[in-house]
Amino acid sequence: MSNLDDEILKELQMLRKLKMMELTEAGFPQSKMAEALGVSARTVRRLMANPKKGKDNGQQEG
């Protein structure tokens, strides 16, 4: 993967996390956030439990 691809992935992951925060503030349930973000409910729970971690820090989505 090229450096550009890595940068694009990092930016997309950051946007996903920001959207998750926005949906949390709007009162969305985790299941609806997962659906809107295109990830599993487990991923939403994991990111909410530790928002500084994610795929870009060596963890896999799932």
Protein backbone atom coordinates (compact mmCIF):
# COMPACT_ATOMS: atom_id res chain seq x y z
CA MET A 1 0.00 0.00 0.00
CA SER A 2 1.32 3.43 -0.86
CA ASN A 3 1.78 6.34 1.52
CA LEU A 4 -1.17 8.06 -0.13
CA ASP A 5 -3.37 5.03 0.52
CA ASP A 6 -2.27 5.01 4.17
CA GLU A 7 -3.09 8.70 4.53
CA ILE A 8 -6.51 8.24 2.95
CA LEU A 9 -7.31 5.33 5.27
CA LYS A 10 -6.23 7.32 8.33
CA GLU A 11 -8.40 10.24 7.28
CA LEU A 12 -11.41 7.99 6.70
CA GLN A 13 -10.94 6.38 10.11
CA MET A 14 -10.76 9.80 11.76
CA LEU A 15 -13.94 10.89 9.98
CA ARG A 16 -15.67 7.71 11.16
CA LYS A 17 -14.68 8.43 14.75
CA LEU A 18 -15.85 12.04 14.50
CA LYS A 19 -19.20 10.94 13.07
CA MET A 20 -19.54 8.41 15.87
CA MET A 21 -19.04 11.19 18.42
CA GLU A 22 -21.65 13.31 16.63
CA LEU A 23 -24.17 10.46 16.61
CA THR A 24 -23.48 9.77 20.29
CA GLU A 25 -24.23 13.39 21.17
CA ALA A 26 -27.44 13.18 19.13
CA GLY A 27 -28.55 10.20 21.22
CA PHE A 28 -28.32 7.46 18.59
CA PRO A 29 -28.22 3.90 19.93
CA GLN A 30 -25.04 1.97 19.21
CA SER A 31 -26.79 -0.38 16.80
CA LYS A 32 -27.97 2.53 14.64
CA MET A 33 -24.52 4.15 14.79
CA ALA A 34 -22.96 0.91 13.59
CA GLU A 35 -25.41 0.72 10.72
CA ALA A 36 -24.81 4.35 9.73
CA LEU A 37 -21.03 3.95 9.90
CA GLY A 38 -20.88 0.62 8.11
CA VAL A 39 -19.24 -1.21 11.00
CA SER A 40 -20.33 -3.81 13.51
CA ALA A 41 -21.94 -2.91 16.82
CA ARG A 42 -18.91 -4.53 18.44
CA THR A 43 -16.63 -2.02 16.70
CA VAL A 44 -18.77 0.87 17.94
CA ARG A 45 -18.67 -0.48 21.50
CA ARG A 46 -14.90 -0.91 21.31
CA LEU A 47 -14.31 2.58 19.95
CA MET A 48 -16.62 4.12 22.54
CA ALA A 49 -14.85 2.27 25.34
CA ASN A 50 -11.47 3.50 24.15
CA PRO A 51 -11.83 6.21 21.48
CA LYS A 52 -8.05 6.62 21.09
CA LYS A 53 -7.76 3.07 19.79
CA GLY A 54 -8.93 1.74 16.49
CA LYS A 55 -7.76 0.03 13.37
CA ASP A 56 -5.10 2.68 12.84
CA ASN A 57 -3.55 1.62 16.16
CA GLY A 58 -3.21 -2.03 15.26
CA GLN A 59 -6.68 -3.28 16.09
CA GLN A 60 -8.95 -4.94 13.60
CA GLU A 61 -12.55 -4.07 12.98
CA GLY A 62 -15.15 -6.67 13.45
